[in-house]
Amino acid sequence: MKITKLAIIFVLIAFPFTWLNRLHATEQSYNMRTEMAYNSMLDTAVDDAAYALQSKLKQSEAFTGYDSDKRYSLEGQLAVSTFFNTIFMNLNAVEDHTVQETIKHYIPAVGVIGYDGFSLFTEEEYEASGQSYYKYIMRPIKPYTHVDDKGNVIHFTLDDYVIVYCSSTAQWSRGYRQELKDRVDVPLLTDEQLFDAVRRQTIIARIQDELAHAINQNNEKVRRNGISYTFTLPTIPDEEWQNSINDVGVIAFIQGLPMGSGVYNNYALGGSRILRASLYYGVTQNGIKYVYASKCSPVDPEKVFSSPKEAAEEGYIPRRC
């Protein structure tokens, strides 16, 4: 009888702990499945948005005469709409506008990494008929601009094409680095490795600064809407940043989205993969015009082309290394 009483007492003491552990394990399993589903949702939404960037490509007037897939005006607004449509579909909120507005509060920024600048789509407050409203708008494109210690201004792009202001001549020039290095008095253009390092650093810094500013503004807005979560710019490995600026693409964040007893925080980067074309360099050898792929590293190229077809139109003959 004594042993039976002890067993009953043991069960009464152990049962709550066992039950709590089982609840905790169930919740962990639920959170893990939910996190995986959210990760897939975010990745798909960003990839869909990146694909939408190139769905209606049109040649940008700013780069007329330089025929390359890179220099196109991107459909940024369509990309952002596609991103949110994918999010809403995955969260079963396609027809529920109230839920849609709630979801948007947990997405502090969606950015488009463009060829010659970075665009941000953020939720901004505006007034109409005496009431405050929020809607996503496209902010002006911020160029990837660098100013050296001599006052030269360089507008970088996602490749070697630049727009340069030379302070010594007070003139603007545009073209590929190879074309301008001997014609423009800007030291950075003469060093290919340094040029690429500064270009990448400038682009990444511009994107980070714009995102941090947008996220800080979002914190002020969500506090007025009763959300106590503090949004922050996540730490993104340098390797991911380096890869993200090889293409035009989309970057998006979800932070503070309720998930069981915790919250979901993540980001995603998606490239459109329309900017993979190699450059081709035109040279004249023994009075004959030849064009080489960039991997051949020809000496003193006189012209730069985006395709062999473009070079052929100017009388250059394709030649292997």
C-alpha atoms as a PDB file:
ATOM      1  CA  MET A   1       0.000   0.000   0.000  1.00  0.00           C
ATOM      2  CA  LYS A   2       2.846   2.317   0.821  1.00  0.00           C
ATOM      3  CA  ILE A   3       4.522   1.645  -2.539  1.00  0.00           C
ATOM      4  CA  THR A   4       1.237   2.350  -4.342  1.00  0.00           C
ATOM      5  CA  LYS A   5       0.890   5.697  -2.583  1.00  0.00           C
ATOM      6  CA  LEU A   6       4.458   6.621  -3.469  1.00  0.00           C
ATOM      7  CA  ALA A   7       3.812   5.725  -7.113  1.00  0.00           C
ATOM      8  CA  ILE A   8       0.685   7.880  -7.174  1.00  0.00           C
ATOM      9  CA  ILE A   9       2.546  10.781  -5.614  1.00  0.00           C
ATOM     10  CA  PHE A  10       5.383  10.379  -8.157  1.00  0.00           C
ATOM     11  CA  VAL A  11       2.912  10.415 -11.064  1.00  0.00           C
ATOM     12  CA  LEU A  12       1.172  13.503  -9.686  1.00  0.00           C
ATOM     13  CA  ILE A  13       4.502  15.298  -9.395  1.00  0.00           C
ATOM     14  CA  ALA A  14       5.993  14.141 -12.718  1.00  0.00           C
ATOM     15  CA  PHE A  15       2.882  14.505 -14.874  1.00  0.00           C
ATOM     16  CA  PRO A  16       2.866  18.350 -15.040  1.00  0.00           C
ATOM     17  CA  PHE A  17       6.525  18.395 -16.095  1.00  0.00           C
ATOM     18  CA  THR A  18       5.960  15.703 -18.708  1.00  0.00           C
ATOM     19  CA  TRP A  19       2.912  17.529 -20.002  1.00  0.00           C
ATOM     20  CA  LEU A  20       4.778  20.851 -20.182  1.00  0.00           C
ATOM     21  CA  ASN A  21       7.709  19.227 -21.991  1.00  0.00           C
ATOM     22  CA  ARG A  22       5.327  17.692 -24.504  1.00  0.00           C
ATOM     23  CA  LEU A  23       3.648  21.056 -25.056  1.00  0.00           C
ATOM     24  CA  HIS A  24       7.038  22.680 -25.510  1.00  0.00           C
ATOM     25  CA  ALA A  25       8.111  20.010 -28.012  1.00  0.00           C
ATOM     26  CA  THR A  26       4.836  20.419 -29.912  1.00  0.00           C
ATOM     27  CA  GLU A  27       5.284  24.180 -30.016  1.00  0.00           C
ATOM     28  CA  GLN A  28       8.889  23.847 -31.203  1.00  0.00           C
ATOM     29  CA  SER A  29       7.779  21.505 -33.948  1.00  0.00           C
ATOM     30  CA  TYR A  30       5.029  23.927 -34.984  1.00  0.00           C
ATOM     31  CA  ASN A  31       7.436  26.886 -34.987  1.00  0.00           C
ATOM     32  CA  MET A  32       9.947  24.938 -37.064  1.00  0.00           C
ATOM     33  CA  ARG A  33       7.334  23.998 -39.680  1.00  0.00           C
ATOM     34  CA  THR A  34       5.986  27.547 -39.724  1.00  0.00           C
ATOM     35  CA  GLU A  35       9.468  29.039 -40.083  1.00  0.00           C
ATOM     36  CA  MET A  36      10.229  26.730 -43.005  1.00  0.00           C
ATOM     37  CA  ALA A  37       6.940  27.707 -44.649  1.00  0.00           C
ATOM     38  CA  TYR A  38       7.655  31.424 -44.113  1.00  0.00           C
ATOM     39  CA  ASN A  39      11.201  31.032 -45.482  1.00  0.00           C
ATOM     40  CA  SER A  40       9.839  29.403 -48.618  1.00  0.00           C
ATOM     41  CA  MET A  41       7.168  32.108 -48.898  1.00  0.00           C
ATOM     42  CA  LEU A  42       9.690  34.950 -48.618  1.00  0.00           C
ATOM     43  CA  ASP A  43      12.158  33.385 -51.053  1.00  0.00           C
ATOM     44  CA  THR A  44       9.402  32.741 -53.586  1.00  0.00           C
ATOM     45  CA  ALA A  45       8.008  36.267 -53.209  1.00  0.00           C
ATOM     46  CA  VAL A  46      11.414  37.853 -53.819  1.00  0.00           C
ATOM     47  CA  ASP A  47      12.156  35.577 -56.776  1.00  0.00           C
ATOM     48  CA  ASP A  48       8.750  36.377 -58.286  1.00  0.00           C
ATOM     49  CA  ALA A  49       9.423  40.085 -57.811  1.00  0.00           C
ATOM     50  CA  ALA A  50      12.877  39.808 -59.399  1.00  0.00           C
ATOM     51  CA  TYR A  51      11.371  37.996 -62.373  1.00  0.00           C
ATOM     52  CA  ALA A  52       8.731  40.720 -62.709  1.00  0.00           C
ATOM     53  CA  LEU A  53      11.504  43.318 -63.019  1.00  0.00           C
ATOM     54  CA  GLN A  54      12.304  42.079 -66.504  1.00  0.00           C
ATOM     55  CA  SER A  55       8.764  41.276 -67.662  1.00  0.00           C
ATOM     56  CA  LYS A  56       8.379  44.604 -69.442  1.00  0.00           C
ATOM     57  CA  LEU A  57      11.911  45.714 -70.194  1.00  0.00           C
ATOM     58  CA  LYS A  58      12.440  48.894 -72.139  1.00  0.00           C
ATOM     59  CA  GLN A  59      15.681  50.569 -73.128  1.00  0.00           C
ATOM     60  CA  SER A  60      16.619  53.393 -70.773  1.00  0.00           C
ATOM     61  CA  GLU A  61      17.159  56.741 -72.472  1.00  0.00           C
ATOM     62  CA  ALA A  62      20.055  57.411 -70.107  1.00  0.00           C
ATOM     63  CA  PHE A  63      22.142  54.729 -71.836  1.00  0.00           C
ATOM     64  CA  THR A  64      21.164  55.132 -75.477  1.00  0.00           C
ATOM     65  CA  GLY A  65      23.990  53.954 -77.701  1.00  0.00           C
ATOM     66  CA  TYR A  66      25.223  51.331 -75.264  1.00  0.00           C
ATOM     67  CA  ASP A  67      23.186  48.299 -76.201  1.00  0.00           C
ATOM     68  CA  SER A  68      23.243  45.898 -73.271  1.00  0.00           C
ATOM     69  CA  ASP A  69      20.669  43.980 -71.281  1.00  0.00           C
ATOM     70  CA  LYS A  70      21.900  45.799 -68.182  1.00  0.00           C
ATOM     71  CA  ARG A  71      20.733  49.232 -69.213  1.00  0.00           C
ATOM     72  CA  TYR A  72      16.992  48.965 -69.020  1.00  0.00           C
ATOM     73  CA  SER A  73      14.310  50.815 -67.132  1.00  0.00           C
ATOM     74  CA  LEU A  74      12.995  48.273 -64.645  1.00  0.00           C
ATOM     75  CA  GLU A  75       9.370  47.692 -63.703  1.00  0.00           C
ATOM     76  CA  GLY A  76       9.913  48.381 -60.006  1.00  0.00           C
ATOM     77  CA  GLN A  77       6.284  49.016 -59.094  1.00  0.00           C
ATOM     78  CA  LEU A  78       5.214  45.787 -60.797  1.00  0.00           C
ATOM     79  CA  ALA A  79       7.941  43.916 -58.922  1.00  0.00           C
ATOM     80  CA  VAL A  80       6.721  45.194 -55.551  1.00  0.00           C
ATOM     81  CA  SER A  81       3.081  44.398 -56.367  1.00  0.00           C
ATOM     82  CA  THR A  82       4.154  40.882 -57.363  1.00  0.00           C
ATOM     83  CA  PHE A  83       6.055  40.501 -54.089  1.00  0.00           C
ATOM     84  CA  PHE A  84       3.036  41.390 -51.974  1.00  0.00           C
ATOM     85  CA  ASN A  85       0.666  39.288 -54.060  1.00  0.00           C
ATOM     86  CA  THR A  86       2.820  36.217 -53.417  1.00  0.00           C
ATOM     87  CA  ILE A  87       2.962  36.999 -49.687  1.00  0.00           C
ATOM     88  CA  PHE A  88      -0.818  37.457 -49.485  1.00  0.00           C
ATOM     89  CA  MET A  89      -1.491  34.238 -51.402  1.00  0.00           C
ATOM     90  CA  ASN A  90       0.698  32.225 -49.019  1.00  0.00           C
ATOM     91  CA  LEU A  91      -0.980  33.753 -45.964  1.00  0.00           C
ATOM     92  CA  ASN A  92      -4.514  33.309 -47.378  1.00  0.00           C
ATOM     93  CA  ALA A  93      -5.111  37.050 -47.381  1.00  0.00           C
ATOM     94  CA  VAL A  94      -5.777  37.712 -51.073  1.00  0.00           C
ATOM     95  CA  GLU A  95      -9.273  39.055 -50.451  1.00  0.00           C
ATOM     96  CA  ASP A  96      -8.899  40.270 -46.870  1.00  0.00           C
ATOM     97  CA  HIS A  97      -7.636  43.843 -47.073  1.00  0.00           C
ATOM     98  CA  THR A  98      -7.587  44.259 -43.293  1.00  0.00           C
ATOM     99  CA  VAL A  99      -5.182  41.337 -42.923  1.00  0.00           C
ATOM    100  CA  GLN A 100      -3.135  42.666 -45.830  1.00  0.00           C
ATOM    101  CA  GLU A 101      -2.624  46.007 -44.100  1.00  0.00           C
ATOM    102  CA  THR A 102      -1.612  44.204 -40.908  1.00  0.00           C
ATOM    103  CA  ILE A 103       0.930  42.067 -42.776  1.00  0.00           C
ATOM    104  CA  LYS A 104       2.455  45.140 -44.377  1.00  0.00           C
ATOM    105  CA  HIS A 105       3.328  46.530 -40.947  1.00  0.00           C
ATOM    106  CA  TYR A 106       5.824  43.658 -40.563  1.00  0.00           C
ATOM    107  CA  ILE A 107       7.573  44.410 -43.874  1.00  0.00           C
ATOM    108  CA  PRO A 108       9.628  47.567 -43.222  1.00  0.00           C
ATOM    109  CA  ALA A 109      11.096  47.866 -46.730  1.00  0.00           C
ATOM    110  CA  VAL A 110      11.275  46.333 -50.177  1.00  0.00           C
ATOM    111  CA  GLY A 111      14.202  47.504 -52.288  1.00  0.00           C
ATOM    112  CA  VAL A 112      15.058  47.255 -55.967  1.00  0.00           C
ATOM    113  CA  ILE A 113      18.759  47.046 -56.816  1.00  0.00           C
ATOM    114  CA  GLY A 114      18.828  48.838 -60.150  1.00  0.00           C
ATOM    115  CA  TYR A 115      21.589  49.129 -62.715  1.00  0.00           C
ATOM    116  CA  ASP A 116      22.494  52.710 -61.860  1.00  0.00           C
ATOM    117  CA  GLY A 117      20.819  53.237 -58.476  1.00  0.00           C
ATOM    118  CA  PHE A 118      18.795  51.838 -55.597  1.00  0.00           C
ATOM    119  CA  SER A 119      15.036  52.310 -55.223  1.00  0.00           C
ATOM    120  CA  LEU A 120      13.079  51.776 -52.031  1.00  0.00           C
ATOM    121  CA  PHE A 121       9.400  50.982 -51.703  1.00  0.00           C
ATOM    122  CA  THR A 122       8.193  51.889 -48.229  1.00  0.00           C
ATOM    123  CA  GLU A 123       4.904  52.611 -46.557  1.00  0.00           C
ATOM    124  CA  GLU A 124       4.420  56.356 -46.218  1.00  0.00           C
ATOM    125  CA  GLU A 125       1.754  58.362 -44.394  1.00  0.00           C
ATOM    126  CA  TYR A 126      -0.401  60.857 -46.247  1.00  0.00           C
ATOM    127  CA  GLU A 127      -3.569  62.794 -45.478  1.00  0.00           C
ATOM    128  CA  ALA A 128      -6.814  62.983 -47.441  1.00  0.00           C
ATOM    129  CA  SER A 129     -10.142  64.457 -46.343  1.00  0.00           C
ATOM    130  CA  GLY A 130      -8.769  65.113 -42.877  1.00  0.00           C
ATOM    131  CA  GLN A 131      -7.721  61.480 -42.302  1.00  0.00           C
ATOM    132  CA  SER A 132      -4.329  59.794 -42.287  1.00  0.00           C
ATOM    133  CA  TYR A 133      -3.655  56.893 -44.627  1.00  0.00           C
ATOM    134  CA  TYR A 134      -0.705  54.679 -45.445  1.00  0.00           C
ATOM    135  CA  LYS A 135       0.350  53.396 -48.814  1.00  0.00           C
ATOM    136  CA  TYR A 136       3.488  52.025 -50.425  1.00  0.00           C
ATOM    137  CA  ILE A 137       5.250  54.475 -52.707  1.00  0.00           C
ATOM    138  CA  MET A 138       8.437  54.378 -54.746  1.00  0.00           C
ATOM    139  CA  ARG A 139      11.105  56.684 -53.440  1.00  0.00           C
ATOM    140  CA  PRO A 140      13.393  58.472 -55.921  1.00  0.00           C
ATOM    141  CA  ILE A 141      16.294  56.404 -57.240  1.00  0.00           C
ATOM    142  CA  LYS A 142      19.483  57.041 -55.281  1.00  0.00           C
ATOM    143  CA  PRO A 143      22.572  56.756 -57.518  1.00  0.00           C
ATOM    144  CA  TYR A 144      25.709  54.865 -56.548  1.00  0.00           C
ATOM    145  CA  THR A 145      27.852  57.991 -56.200  1.00  0.00           C
ATOM    146  CA  HIS A 146      31.460  58.300 -55.075  1.00  0.00           C
ATOM    147  CA  VAL A 147      33.464  61.523 -54.641  1.00  0.00           C
ATOM    148  CA  ASP A 148      37.249  61.228 -54.460  1.00  0.00           C
ATOM    149  CA  ASP A 149      39.647  63.516 -52.574  1.00  0.00           C
ATOM    150  CA  LYS A 150      40.128  65.700 -55.687  1.00  0.00           C
ATOM    151  CA  GLY A 151      36.438  66.432 -56.038  1.00  0.00           C
ATOM    152  CA  ASN A 152      35.868  64.082 -58.979  1.00  0.00           C
ATOM    153  CA  VAL A 153      32.360  62.619 -58.968  1.00  0.00           C
ATOM    154  CA  ILE A 154      31.792  59.070 -60.191  1.00  0.00           C
ATOM    155  CA  HIS A 155      28.355  57.529 -60.694  1.00  0.00           C
ATOM    156  CA  PHE A 156      28.891  53.771 -60.631  1.00  0.00           C
ATOM    157  CA  THR A 157      26.727  51.054 -62.153  1.00  0.00           C
ATOM    158  CA  LEU A 158      26.534  47.276 -61.764  1.00  0.00           C
ATOM    159  CA  ASP A 159      29.297  46.882 -64.341  1.00  0.00           C
ATOM    160  CA  ASP A 160      32.225  49.025 -65.571  1.00  0.00           C
ATOM    161  CA  TYR A 161      30.061  51.723 -67.134  1.00  0.00           C
ATOM    162  CA  VAL A 162      30.389  55.065 -65.341  1.00  0.00           C
ATOM    163  CA  ILE A 163      29.314  58.679 -65.547  1.00  0.00           C
ATOM    164  CA  VAL A 164      32.193  60.887 -64.385  1.00  0.00           C
ATOM    165  CA  TYR A 165      32.581  64.555 -63.488  1.00  0.00           C
ATOM    166  CA  CYS A 166      36.219  65.634 -63.800  1.00  0.00           C
ATOM    167  CA  SER A 167      36.909  68.530 -61.443  1.00  0.00           C
ATOM    168  CA  SER A 168      40.028  69.680 -63.327  1.00  0.00           C
ATOM    169  CA  THR A 169      38.113  70.221 -66.590  1.00  0.00           C
ATOM    170  CA  ALA A 170      34.631  70.781 -65.115  1.00  0.00           C
ATOM    171  CA  GLN A 171      33.221  68.334 -67.687  1.00  0.00           C
ATOM    172  CA  TRP A 172      31.038  65.245 -67.562  1.00  0.00           C
ATOM    173  CA  SER A 173      31.965  62.067 -69.443  1.00  0.00           C
ATOM    174  CA  ARG A 174      30.292  58.692 -69.751  1.00  0.00           C
ATOM    175  CA  GLY A 175      31.422  55.303 -70.954  1.00  0.00           C
ATOM    176  CA  TYR A 176      33.197  52.150 -69.830  1.00  0.00           C
ATOM    177  CA  ARG A 177      36.219  52.462 -67.573  1.00  0.00           C
ATOM    178  CA  GLN A 178      38.461  51.090 -70.332  1.00  0.00           C
ATOM    179  CA  GLU A 179      37.282  53.801 -72.691  1.00  0.00           C
ATOM    180  CA  LEU A 180      37.692  56.669 -70.236  1.00  0.00           C
ATOM    181  CA  LYS A 181      40.849  55.795 -68.314  1.00  0.00           C
ATOM    182  CA  ASP A 182      43.189  57.528 -70.812  1.00  0.00           C
ATOM    183  CA  ARG A 183      40.814  60.377 -71.690  1.00  0.00           C
ATOM    184  CA  VAL A 184      39.630  61.569 -68.288  1.00  0.00           C
ATOM    185  CA  ASP A 185      41.865  62.800 -65.458  1.00  0.00           C
ATOM    186  CA  VAL A 186      40.375  60.594 -62.752  1.00  0.00           C
ATOM    187  CA  PRO A 187      43.012  58.336 -61.112  1.00  0.00           C
ATOM    188  CA  LEU A 188      40.508  55.703 -59.961  1.00  0.00           C
ATOM    189  CA  LEU A 189      39.738  54.763 -63.570  1.00  0.00           C
ATOM    190  CA  THR A 190      43.315  53.665 -64.238  1.00  0.00           C
ATOM    191  CA  ASP A 191      43.402  50.915 -61.602  1.00  0.00           C
ATOM    192  CA  GLU A 192      40.992  48.112 -62.493  1.00  0.00           C
ATOM    193  CA  GLN A 193      41.146  46.288 -59.146  1.00  0.00           C
ATOM    194  CA  LEU A 194      40.829  49.430 -57.036  1.00  0.00           C
ATOM    195  CA  PHE A 195      38.013  50.658 -59.281  1.00  0.00           C
ATOM    196  CA  ASP A 196      36.046  47.429 -58.762  1.00  0.00           C
ATOM    197  CA  ALA A 197      36.641  47.449 -54.991  1.00  0.00           C
ATOM    198  CA  VAL A 198      35.504  51.078 -54.607  1.00  0.00           C
ATOM    199  CA  ARG A 199      32.540  50.464 -56.916  1.00  0.00           C
ATOM    200  CA  ARG A 200      31.312  47.517 -54.868  1.00  0.00           C
ATOM    201  CA  GLN A 201      31.882  49.287 -51.552  1.00  0.00           C
ATOM    202  CA  THR A 202      29.984  52.353 -52.783  1.00  0.00           C
ATOM    203  CA  ILE A 203      27.001  50.344 -54.027  1.00  0.00           C
ATOM    204  CA  ILE A 204      26.727  48.257 -50.857  1.00  0.00           C
ATOM    205  CA  ALA A 205      27.065  51.320 -48.602  1.00  0.00           C
ATOM    206  CA  ARG A 206      24.328  53.141 -50.534  1.00  0.00           C
ATOM    207  CA  ILE A 207      21.931  50.205 -50.192  1.00  0.00           C
ATOM    208  CA  GLN A 208      22.688  49.739 -46.495  1.00  0.00           C
ATOM    209  CA  ASP A 209      22.257  53.438 -45.707  1.00  0.00           C
ATOM    210  CA  GLU A 210      18.917  53.639 -47.512  1.00  0.00           C
ATOM    211  CA  LEU A 211      17.611  50.482 -45.835  1.00  0.00           C
ATOM    212  CA  ALA A 212      18.709  51.595 -42.357  1.00  0.00           C
ATOM    213  CA  HIS A 213      16.994  54.966 -42.815  1.00  0.00           C
ATOM    214  CA  ALA A 214      13.781  53.321 -44.034  1.00  0.00           C
ATOM    215  CA  ILE A 215      13.735  50.848 -41.153  1.00  0.00           C
ATOM    216  CA  ASN A 216      14.229  53.640 -38.591  1.00  0.00           C
ATOM    217  CA  GLN A 217      11.307  55.536 -40.094  1.00  0.00           C
ATOM    218  CA  ASN A 218       9.228  52.365 -39.998  1.00  0.00           C
ATOM    219  CA  ASN A 219       9.865  52.010 -36.256  1.00  0.00           C
ATOM    220  CA  GLU A 220       8.283  55.398 -35.631  1.00  0.00           C
ATOM    221  CA  LYS A 221       5.259  54.462 -37.713  1.00  0.00           C
ATOM    222  CA  VAL A 222       4.569  51.034 -36.203  1.00  0.00           C
ATOM    223  CA  ARG A 223       4.747  52.356 -32.659  1.00  0.00           C
ATOM    224  CA  ARG A 224       1.792  54.592 -33.504  1.00  0.00           C
ATOM    225  CA  ASN A 225      -0.030  51.494 -34.748  1.00  0.00           C
ATOM    226  CA  GLY A 226       0.426  49.544 -31.529  1.00  0.00           C
ATOM    227  CA  ILE A 227       3.326  47.300 -32.613  1.00  0.00           C
ATOM    228  CA  SER A 228       6.032  47.270 -29.951  1.00  0.00           C
ATOM    229  CA  TYR A 229       8.598  45.319 -31.987  1.00  0.00           C
ATOM    230  CA  THR A 230      11.781  47.251 -32.857  1.00  0.00           C
ATOM    231  CA  PHE A 231      12.889  46.686 -36.439  1.00  0.00           C
ATOM    232  CA  THR A 232      16.622  46.579 -37.187  1.00  0.00           C
ATOM    233  CA  LEU A 233      18.749  46.106 -40.294  1.00  0.00           C
ATOM    234  CA  PRO A 234      19.891  42.473 -40.048  1.00  0.00           C
ATOM    235  CA  THR A 235      23.525  41.488 -40.362  1.00  0.00           C
ATOM    236  CA  ILE A 236      23.959  40.231 -43.904  1.00  0.00           C
ATOM    237  CA  PRO A 237      27.235  38.429 -44.694  1.00  0.00           C
ATOM    238  CA  ASP A 238      29.583  40.340 -46.982  1.00  0.00           C
ATOM    239  CA  GLU A 239      29.566  37.442 -49.454  1.00  0.00           C
ATOM    240  CA  GLU A 240      25.809  37.815 -49.904  1.00  0.00           C
ATOM    241  CA  TRP A 241      26.158  41.554 -50.460  1.00  0.00           C
ATOM    242  CA  GLN A 242      28.874  40.969 -53.039  1.00  0.00           C
ATOM    243  CA  ASN A 243      26.717  38.455 -54.902  1.00  0.00           C
ATOM    244  CA  SER A 244      23.618  40.642 -54.727  1.00  0.00           C
ATOM    245  CA  ILE A 245      25.210  43.495 -56.682  1.00  0.00           C
ATOM    246  CA  ASN A 246      26.151  41.344 -59.665  1.00  0.00           C
ATOM    247  CA  ASP A 247      22.575  41.633 -60.927  1.00  0.00           C
ATOM    248  CA  VAL A 248      19.611  43.898 -60.733  1.00  0.00           C
ATOM    249  CA  GLY A 249      17.340  42.370 -58.124  1.00  0.00           C
ATOM    250  CA  VAL A 250      15.079  42.713 -55.113  1.00  0.00           C
ATOM    251  CA  ILE A 251      15.731  42.716 -51.381  1.00  0.00           C
ATOM    252  CA  ALA A 252      12.981  42.432 -48.757  1.00  0.00           C
ATOM    253  CA  PHE A 253      12.609  42.013 -45.009  1.00  0.00           C
ATOM    254  CA  ILE A 254       9.991  40.518 -42.723  1.00  0.00           C
ATOM    255  CA  GLN A 255      10.456  41.259 -39.029  1.00  0.00           C
ATOM    256  CA  GLY A 256       8.368  40.699 -35.925  1.00  0.00           C
ATOM    257  CA  LEU A 257       5.696  38.585 -37.655  1.00  0.00           C
ATOM    258  CA  PRO A 258       3.954  36.569 -34.879  1.00  0.00           C
ATOM    259  CA  MET A 259       4.817  32.871 -34.967  1.00  0.00           C
ATOM    260  CA  GLY A 260       3.527  30.847 -32.019  1.00  0.00           C
ATOM    261  CA  SER A 261       5.092  32.257 -28.872  1.00  0.00           C
ATOM    262  CA  GLY A 262       7.873  33.907 -30.876  1.00  0.00           C
ATOM    263  CA  VAL A 263       8.312  36.110 -33.940  1.00  0.00           C
ATOM    264  CA  TYR A 264       9.606  35.534 -37.454  1.00  0.00           C
ATOM    265  CA  ASN A 265      12.576  37.580 -38.703  1.00  0.00           C
ATOM    266  CA  ASN A 266      14.251  37.060 -42.046  1.00  0.00           C
ATOM    267  CA  TYR A 267      15.371  38.698 -45.281  1.00  0.00           C
ATOM    268  CA  ALA A 268      15.747  37.545 -48.862  1.00  0.00           C
ATOM    269  CA  LEU A 269      17.738  38.677 -51.877  1.00  0.00           C
ATOM    270  CA  GLY A 270      16.639  37.794 -55.391  1.00  0.00           C
ATOM    271  CA  GLY A 271      18.428  38.506 -58.672  1.00  0.00           C
ATOM    272  CA  SER A 272      16.743  38.692 -62.042  1.00  0.00           C
ATOM    273  CA  ARG A 273      19.733  37.152 -63.824  1.00  0.00           C
ATOM    274  CA  ILE A 274      19.434  39.395 -66.850  1.00  0.00           C
ATOM    275  CA  LEU A 275      22.875  40.927 -66.450  1.00  0.00           C
ATOM    276  CA  ARG A 276      25.218  38.083 -67.229  1.00  0.00           C
ATOM    277  CA  ALA A 277      26.474  39.195 -70.624  1.00  0.00           C
ATOM    278  CA  SER A 278      30.246  39.541 -71.017  1.00  0.00           C
ATOM    279  CA  LEU A 279      31.929  42.591 -72.471  1.00  0.00           C
ATOM    280  CA  TYR A 280      33.837  42.549 -75.754  1.00  0.00           C
ATOM    281  CA  TYR A 281      36.840  44.751 -76.546  1.00  0.00           C
ATOM    282  CA  GLY A 282      37.655  46.084 -79.995  1.00  0.00           C
ATOM    283  CA  VAL A 283      41.271  46.537 -81.103  1.00  0.00           C
ATOM    284  CA  THR A 284      43.037  47.249 -84.384  1.00  0.00           C
ATOM    285  CA  GLN A 285      45.903  44.907 -85.269  1.00  0.00           C
ATOM    286  CA  ASN A 286      47.863  45.290 -88.506  1.00  0.00           C
ATOM    287  CA  GLY A 287      45.129  47.544 -89.817  1.00  0.00           C
ATOM    288  CA  ILE A 288      42.381  44.969 -89.174  1.00  0.00           C
ATOM    289  CA  LYS A 289      39.633  45.473 -86.583  1.00  0.00           C
ATOM    290  CA  TYR A 290      39.205  42.546 -84.192  1.00  0.00           C
ATOM    291  CA  VAL A 291      36.952  42.046 -81.161  1.00  0.00           C
ATOM    292  CA  TYR A 292      37.893  39.859 -78.181  1.00  0.00           C
ATOM    293  CA  ALA A 293      35.897  38.606 -75.203  1.00  0.00           C
ATOM    294  CA  SER A 294      36.811  40.251 -71.904  1.00  0.00           C
ATOM    295  CA  LYS A 295      38.484  37.051 -70.653  1.00  0.00           C
ATOM    296  CA  CYS A 296      41.175  37.574 -73.320  1.00  0.00           C
ATOM    297  CA  SER A 297      42.272  40.834 -71.644  1.00  0.00           C
ATOM    298  CA  PRO A 298      43.374  42.573 -74.877  1.00  0.00           C
ATOM    299  CA  VAL A 299      45.913  45.393 -74.550  1.00  0.00           C
ATOM    300  CA  ASP A 300      44.703  48.987 -75.081  1.00  0.00           C
ATOM    301  CA  PRO A 301      41.181  48.332 -76.399  1.00  0.00           C
ATOM    302  CA  GLU A 302      39.784  51.205 -78.439  1.00  0.00           C
ATOM    303  CA  LYS A 303      36.089  50.363 -78.044  1.00  0.00           C
ATOM    304  CA  VAL A 304      33.907  48.299 -75.726  1.00  0.00           C
ATOM    305  CA  PHE A 305      30.864  46.340 -76.898  1.00  0.00           C
ATOM    306  CA  SER A 306      28.175  44.335 -75.133  1.00  0.00           C
ATOM    307  CA  SER A 307      27.935  41.653 -77.840  1.00  0.00           C
ATOM    308  CA  PRO A 308      29.799  40.361 -80.919  1.00  0.00           C
ATOM    309  CA  LYS A 309      26.826  41.476 -83.019  1.00  0.00           C
ATOM    310  CA  GLU A 310      27.245  45.075 -81.886  1.00  0.00           C
ATOM    311  CA  ALA A 311      30.959  44.901 -82.711  1.00  0.00           C
ATOM    312  CA  ALA A 312      30.308  43.382 -86.147  1.00  0.00           C
ATOM    313  CA  GLU A 313      28.012  46.280 -87.002  1.00  0.00           C
ATOM    314  CA  GLU A 314      31.041  48.570 -86.686  1.00  0.00           C
ATOM    315  CA  GLY A 315      33.301  46.335 -88.762  1.00  0.00           C
ATOM    316  CA  TYR A 316      35.046  44.337 -86.019  1.00  0.00           C
ATOM    317  CA  ILE A 317      35.819  40.649 -86.609  1.00  0.00           C
ATOM    318  CA  PRO A 318      35.348  38.248 -83.646  1.00  0.00           C
ATOM    319  CA  ARG A 319      38.600  36.500 -82.687  1.00  0.00           C
ATOM    320  CA  ARG A 320      39.488  33.908 -80.065  1.00  0.00           C
ATOM    321  CA  CYS A 321      42.138  34.419 -77.408  1.00  0.00           C
END
